[in-house]
Amino acid sequence: MGKKAKVIIPKKSRYFTDSERHKIIQTMLANKWSKRYTWALYTGEPDERGHLLRWMRELGYVDVRECEDSRNSKNIPNFGTNNDIMADQTNTGQDSFETQQLKKRIAELESQLRDAEMKAIAWQTMVEIAERELKVPIKKKFITKPSGQ
């Protein structure tokens, strides 16, 4: 009796959940399969059309800026280096994905905070210059005298 090979039932790309996408990408990286072979294996479609690379960007396997830098220098991004990052983490793929999403959100919020602080400084400077040049009080002066006496 021969061994039965694992049968993968192909399905359309739009129907893969995030956890399935993680599994597909991790399998591709671990086995060093080409994107075309991996795509054909899991979907039955011959043309991959950039779906796997898009998933890798969305799920944090490849930094978008890294791809843009490599595109500008005419190099192909090295996907193996991001696999090392994923292997170092002891959590499941879903936990690492959530962690990466939270780190991205923190970076976004820090950027927004820096922008807000710069706007506040710019506004304060503008008010001070307007008061000095136009000799018009713009800031509210708080009077500490008790009222009614």
Protein backbone atom coordinates (compact mmCIF):
# COMPACT_ATOMS: atom_id res chain seq x y z
CA MET A 1 0.00 0.00 0.00
CA GLY A 2 1.36 3.41 -0.95
CA LYS A 3 1.38 6.57 1.12
CA LYS A 4 -1.38 9.02 0.41
CA ALA A 5 -0.20 12.50 -0.52
CA LYS A 6 -1.79 15.44 1.23
CA VAL A 7 -4.45 16.87 -1.05
CA ILE A 8 -4.86 20.63 -1.11
CA ILE A 9 -8.25 21.74 -2.31
CA PRO A 10 -7.78 24.88 -4.44
CA LYS A 11 -9.99 27.87 -3.74
CA LYS A 12 -10.28 31.43 -5.03
CA SER A 13 -7.83 33.97 -3.58
CA ARG A 14 -10.50 36.29 -2.23
CA TYR A 15 -11.80 33.55 0.06
CA PHE A 16 -8.64 33.02 2.12
CA THR A 17 -8.79 34.19 5.74
CA ASP A 18 -5.84 35.97 7.33
CA SER A 19 -4.82 32.82 9.21
CA GLU A 20 -4.88 30.83 5.94
CA ARG A 21 -2.82 33.54 4.26
CA HIS A 22 -0.27 33.36 7.11
CA LYS A 23 -0.08 29.59 6.72
CA ILE A 24 0.38 29.79 2.93
CA ILE A 25 3.14 32.40 3.18
CA GLN A 26 4.92 30.58 6.01
CA THR A 27 4.80 27.32 4.04
CA MET A 28 6.13 29.06 0.93
CA LEU A 29 9.01 30.62 2.86
CA ALA A 30 9.84 27.46 4.80
CA ASN A 31 9.95 25.28 1.67
CA LYS A 32 11.52 28.01 -0.48
CA TRP A 33 8.85 27.57 -3.12
CA SER A 34 8.31 30.11 -5.86
CA LYS A 35 5.29 32.38 -5.60
CA ARG A 36 3.90 30.95 -8.85
CA TYR A 37 4.19 27.33 -7.63
CA THR A 38 2.65 28.19 -4.25
CA TRP A 39 -0.21 30.08 -5.89
CA ALA A 40 -0.97 27.25 -8.31
CA LEU A 41 -0.85 24.71 -5.48
CA TYR A 42 -3.31 26.55 -3.24
CA THR A 43 -5.63 28.14 -5.81
CA GLY A 44 -5.31 26.06 -8.94
CA GLU A 45 -4.77 29.28 -10.92
CA PRO A 46 -1.59 29.51 -13.03
CA ASP A 47 -1.04 33.28 -12.65
CA GLU A 48 -0.29 34.73 -9.22
CA ARG A 49 -0.59 38.44 -10.25
CA GLY A 50 1.14 39.81 -7.15
CA HIS A 51 -1.35 38.48 -4.60
CA LEU A 52 1.27 36.77 -2.42
CA LEU A 53 3.52 39.83 -2.31
CA ARG A 54 0.50 41.99 -1.43
CA TRP A 55 -0.43 39.55 1.37
CA MET A 56 3.15 39.60 2.62
CA ARG A 57 3.05 43.39 2.82
CA GLU A 58 -0.37 43.45 4.50
CA LEU A 59 0.58 40.78 7.03
CA GLY A 60 3.95 42.31 7.90
CA TYR A 61 6.33 39.81 6.29
CA VAL A 62 7.79 42.52 4.03
CA ASP A 63 8.17 46.18 4.89
CA VAL A 64 6.59 48.34 2.17
CA ARG A 65 9.44 50.86 2.35
CA GLU A 66 11.95 48.02 1.95
CA CYS A 67 10.24 46.96 -1.28
CA GLU A 68 10.18 50.54 -2.57
CA ASP A 69 13.89 50.97 -1.77
CA SER A 70 14.76 47.72 -3.52
CA ARG A 71 12.57 48.64 -6.49
CA ASN A 72 14.46 51.92 -6.82
CA SER A 73 17.83 50.16 -6.67
CA LYS A 74 16.66 47.43 -9.10
CA ASN A 75 17.10 44.67 -6.49
CA ILE A 76 14.59 41.96 -5.71
CA PRO A 77 13.51 42.00 -2.03
CA ASN A 78 14.89 39.15 0.05
CA PHE A 79 11.95 37.41 1.66
CA GLY A 80 14.14 35.02 3.67
CA THR A 81 15.28 37.71 6.12
CA ASN A 82 11.72 38.36 7.26
CA ASN A 83 11.24 34.64 7.88
CA ASP A 84 14.01 34.83 10.50
CA ILE A 85 12.02 37.48 12.37
CA MET A 86 8.94 35.28 12.39
CA ALA A 87 10.93 32.22 13.55
CA ASP A 88 12.35 34.11 16.54
CA GLN A 89 8.90 34.73 17.97
CA THR A 90 7.49 31.97 20.16
CA ASN A 91 3.85 33.04 19.67
CA THR A 92 1.60 31.79 16.92
CA GLY A 93 1.50 33.61 13.60
CA GLN A 94 -1.73 35.35 14.60
CA ASP A 95 -0.16 36.76 17.80
CA SER A 96 2.86 38.06 15.93
CA PHE A 97 0.57 39.63 13.33
CA GLU A 98 -1.42 41.38 16.07
CA THR A 99 1.80 42.53 17.72
CA GLN A 100 3.05 43.95 14.44
CA GLN A 101 -0.26 45.70 13.82
CA LEU A 102 -0.12 47.24 17.31
CA LYS A 103 3.44 48.42 16.74
CA LYS A 104 2.37 50.03 13.47
CA ARG A 105 -0.56 51.71 15.25
CA ILE A 106 1.77 53.03 17.98
CA ALA A 107 4.11 54.46 15.36
CA GLU A 108 1.13 56.11 13.63
CA LEU A 109 -0.09 57.66 16.87
CA GLU A 110 3.40 58.89 17.77
CA SER A 111 3.63 60.53 14.36
CA GLN A 112 0.24 62.20 14.86
CA LEU A 113 1.35 63.41 18.30
CA ARG A 114 4.52 64.96 16.85
CA ASP A 115 2.43 66.70 14.17
CA ALA A 116 0.00 68.05 16.78
CA GLU A 117 2.87 69.34 18.92
CA MET A 118 4.45 71.08 15.92
CA LYS A 119 1.09 72.66 15.04
CA ALA A 120 0.70 73.92 18.62
CA ILE A 121 4.20 75.44 18.55
CA ALA A 122 3.52 77.04 15.17
CA TRP A 123 0.20 78.50 16.40
CA GLN A 124 1.80 79.85 19.59
CA THR A 125 4.64 81.44 17.59
CA MET A 126 2.17 82.97 15.13
CA VAL A 127 0.12 84.49 17.97
CA GLU A 128 3.22 85.92 19.65
CA ILE A 129 4.42 87.50 16.40
CA ALA A 130 0.96 88.92 15.68
CA GLU A 131 0.71 90.42 19.18
CA ARG A 132 4.18 91.93 18.89
CA GLU A 133 3.81 93.35 15.38
CA LEU A 134 0.15 94.39 15.45
CA LYS A 135 0.20 95.37 19.14
CA VAL A 136 -3.16 93.65 19.63
CA PRO A 137 -3.72 91.33 22.60
CA ILE A 138 -4.81 87.98 21.23
CA LYS A 139 -4.21 85.67 24.17
CA LYS A 140 -6.79 85.75 26.91
CA LYS A 141 -5.51 87.35 30.08
CA PHE A 142 -6.83 85.67 33.20
CA ILE A 143 -7.67 88.19 35.92
CA THR A 144 -7.11 86.90 39.43
CA LYS A 145 -9.18 89.61 41.17
CA PRO A 146 -12.22 88.30 43.00
CA SER A 147 -15.45 89.31 41.31
CA GLY A 148 -18.25 91.27 43.03
CA GLN A 149 -16.14 93.45 45.32
